[in-house]
Amino acid sequence: MKQDKRFKTTPKDKALHRIKIIQGHLSAIEEMINNDKYCVDIVHQSRAVQKALKQLDLLLIENHLKTCVVHQIHNHEETRTTEELLKLFEYK
């Protein structure tokens, strides 16, 4: 059975889809600035980019936890895993 391309199923597909959304928002911001649009409207678009980036981060972290972290723990790399995760929590 052929998979419908409209439905993103893998984490990679989902991440790439989110990047396309972010690129669209960024293009809109660039166009708005070039066209001297209302500043508040530009800020709204910028916040949409920030929200989309946070969603991308969460998707990537979730995939990392389900794959890489599990693999590292099975390979007795708990120190590496812990250090990586602690670095993620340092981001604000």
C-alpha atoms as a PDB file:
ATOM      1  CA  MET A   1       0.000   0.000   0.000  1.00  0.00           C
ATOM      2  CA  LYS A   2       1.367   3.387  -1.007  1.00  0.00           C
ATOM      3  CA  GLN A   3       1.757   5.880   1.836  1.00  0.00           C
ATOM      4  CA  ASP A   4      -0.059   9.189   1.405  1.00  0.00           C
ATOM      5  CA  LYS A   5       2.622  11.924   1.410  1.00  0.00           C
ATOM      6  CA  ARG A   6       0.251  14.382   3.135  1.00  0.00           C
ATOM      7  CA  PHE A   7       0.514  12.457   6.385  1.00  0.00           C
ATOM      8  CA  LYS A   8       3.906  12.866   8.064  1.00  0.00           C
ATOM      9  CA  THR A   9       4.661   9.752  10.053  1.00  0.00           C
ATOM     10  CA  THR A  10       8.354   9.618  10.878  1.00  0.00           C
ATOM     11  CA  PRO A  11      10.059  12.048  13.266  1.00  0.00           C
ATOM     12  CA  LYS A  12      12.285  13.148  10.384  1.00  0.00           C
ATOM     13  CA  ASP A  13       9.256  13.891   8.185  1.00  0.00           C
ATOM     14  CA  LYS A  14       7.592  15.789  11.016  1.00  0.00           C
ATOM     15  CA  ALA A  15      10.743  17.826  11.686  1.00  0.00           C
ATOM     16  CA  LEU A  16      11.177  18.700   8.019  1.00  0.00           C
ATOM     17  CA  HIS A  17       7.514  19.699   7.827  1.00  0.00           C
ATOM     18  CA  ARG A  18       7.934  22.012  10.817  1.00  0.00           C
ATOM     19  CA  ILE A  19      11.029  23.566   9.213  1.00  0.00           C
ATOM     20  CA  LYS A  20       8.998  24.343   6.083  1.00  0.00           C
ATOM     21  CA  ILE A  21       6.403  26.070   8.285  1.00  0.00           C
ATOM     22  CA  ILE A  22       9.146  28.093   9.986  1.00  0.00           C
ATOM     23  CA  GLN A  23      10.628  29.069   6.616  1.00  0.00           C
ATOM     24  CA  GLY A  24       7.191  30.246   5.506  1.00  0.00           C
ATOM     25  CA  HIS A  25       6.827  32.411   8.598  1.00  0.00           C
ATOM     26  CA  LEU A  26      10.318  33.854   8.101  1.00  0.00           C
ATOM     27  CA  SER A  27       9.564  34.684   4.472  1.00  0.00           C
ATOM     28  CA  ALA A  28       6.381  36.403   5.585  1.00  0.00           C
ATOM     29  CA  ILE A  29       8.337  38.458   8.117  1.00  0.00           C
ATOM     30  CA  GLU A  30      10.884  39.481   5.491  1.00  0.00           C
ATOM     31  CA  GLU A  31       8.117  40.524   3.108  1.00  0.00           C
ATOM     32  CA  MET A  32       6.302  42.431   5.841  1.00  0.00           C
ATOM     33  CA  ILE A  33       9.467  44.348   6.741  1.00  0.00           C
ATOM     34  CA  ASN A  34      10.195  45.093   3.072  1.00  0.00           C
ATOM     35  CA  ASN A  35       6.637  46.387   2.685  1.00  0.00           C
ATOM     36  CA  ASP A  36       6.792  48.507   5.848  1.00  0.00           C
ATOM     37  CA  LYS A  37       3.913  46.647   7.468  1.00  0.00           C
ATOM     38  CA  TYR A  38       2.626  47.475  10.924  1.00  0.00           C
ATOM     39  CA  CYS A  39       5.226  46.590  13.568  1.00  0.00           C
ATOM     40  CA  VAL A  40       2.806  44.754  15.836  1.00  0.00           C
ATOM     41  CA  ASP A  41       1.799  42.492  12.950  1.00  0.00           C
ATOM     42  CA  ILE A  42       5.465  41.692  12.328  1.00  0.00           C
ATOM     43  CA  VAL A  43       5.954  40.850  15.997  1.00  0.00           C
ATOM     44  CA  HIS A  44       2.962  38.481  15.838  1.00  0.00           C
ATOM     45  CA  GLN A  45       4.597  36.702  12.922  1.00  0.00           C
ATOM     46  CA  SER A  46       7.909  36.592  14.796  1.00  0.00           C
ATOM     47  CA  ARG A  47       6.201  34.980  17.774  1.00  0.00           C
ATOM     48  CA  ALA A  48       4.737  32.366  15.455  1.00  0.00           C
ATOM     49  CA  VAL A  49       8.315  31.529  14.392  1.00  0.00           C
ATOM     50  CA  GLN A  50       9.415  31.268  18.008  1.00  0.00           C
ATOM     51  CA  LYS A  51       6.497  28.965  18.833  1.00  0.00           C
ATOM     52  CA  ALA A  52       7.232  26.803  15.801  1.00  0.00           C
ATOM     53  CA  LEU A  53      10.899  26.545  16.833  1.00  0.00           C
ATOM     54  CA  LYS A  54       9.875  25.436  20.328  1.00  0.00           C
ATOM     55  CA  GLN A  55       7.632  22.783  18.803  1.00  0.00           C
ATOM     56  CA  LEU A  56      10.526  21.619  16.635  1.00  0.00           C
ATOM     57  CA  ASP A  57      12.788  21.429  19.689  1.00  0.00           C
ATOM     58  CA  LEU A  58      10.230  19.342  21.568  1.00  0.00           C
ATOM     59  CA  LEU A  59       9.855  16.986  18.632  1.00  0.00           C
ATOM     60  CA  LEU A  60      13.622  16.539  18.375  1.00  0.00           C
ATOM     61  CA  ILE A  61      14.035  16.030  22.124  1.00  0.00           C
ATOM     62  CA  GLU A  62      11.210  13.491  22.195  1.00  0.00           C
ATOM     63  CA  ASN A  63      12.819  11.534  19.374  1.00  0.00           C
ATOM     64  CA  HIS A  64      16.204  11.733  21.110  1.00  0.00           C
ATOM     65  CA  LEU A  65      14.738  10.358  24.329  1.00  0.00           C
ATOM     66  CA  LYS A  66      12.994   7.506  22.537  1.00  0.00           C
ATOM     67  CA  THR A  67      16.005   6.499  20.459  1.00  0.00           C
ATOM     68  CA  CYS A  68      19.462   7.781  21.358  1.00  0.00           C
ATOM     69  CA  VAL A  69      18.976   7.908  25.115  1.00  0.00           C
ATOM     70  CA  VAL A  70      17.594   4.378  25.222  1.00  0.00           C
ATOM     71  CA  HIS A  71      20.501   3.165  23.093  1.00  0.00           C
ATOM     72  CA  GLN A  72      23.080   4.967  25.242  1.00  0.00           C
ATOM     73  CA  ILE A  73      21.661   3.563  28.468  1.00  0.00           C
ATOM     74  CA  HIS A  74      21.653   0.053  27.044  1.00  0.00           C
ATOM     75  CA  ASN A  75      25.319   0.603  26.167  1.00  0.00           C
ATOM     76  CA  HIS A  76      26.136   1.768  29.694  1.00  0.00           C
ATOM     77  CA  GLU A  77      26.700   5.380  28.616  1.00  0.00           C
ATOM     78  CA  GLU A  78      24.662   6.884  31.447  1.00  0.00           C
ATOM     79  CA  THR A  79      27.200   9.642  32.126  1.00  0.00           C
ATOM     80  CA  ARG A  80      27.110  10.842  28.527  1.00  0.00           C
ATOM     81  CA  THR A  81      23.316  10.717  28.492  1.00  0.00           C
ATOM     82  CA  THR A  82      23.000  12.605  31.751  1.00  0.00           C
ATOM     83  CA  GLU A  83      25.430  15.321  30.643  1.00  0.00           C
ATOM     84  CA  GLU A  84      23.594  15.813  27.337  1.00  0.00           C
ATOM     85  CA  LEU A  85      20.211  16.071  29.019  1.00  0.00           C
ATOM     86  CA  LEU A  86      21.484  18.486  31.648  1.00  0.00           C
ATOM     87  CA  LYS A  87      22.865  20.725  28.880  1.00  0.00           C
ATOM     88  CA  LEU A  88      19.419  20.796  27.293  1.00  0.00           C
ATOM     89  CA  PHE A  89      17.916  22.068  30.536  1.00  0.00           C
ATOM     90  CA  GLU A  90      20.419  24.938  30.582  1.00  0.00           C
ATOM     91  CA  TYR A  91      18.740  26.449  27.484  1.00  0.00           C
ATOM     92  CA  LYS A  92      16.091  29.042  28.153  1.00  0.00           C
END
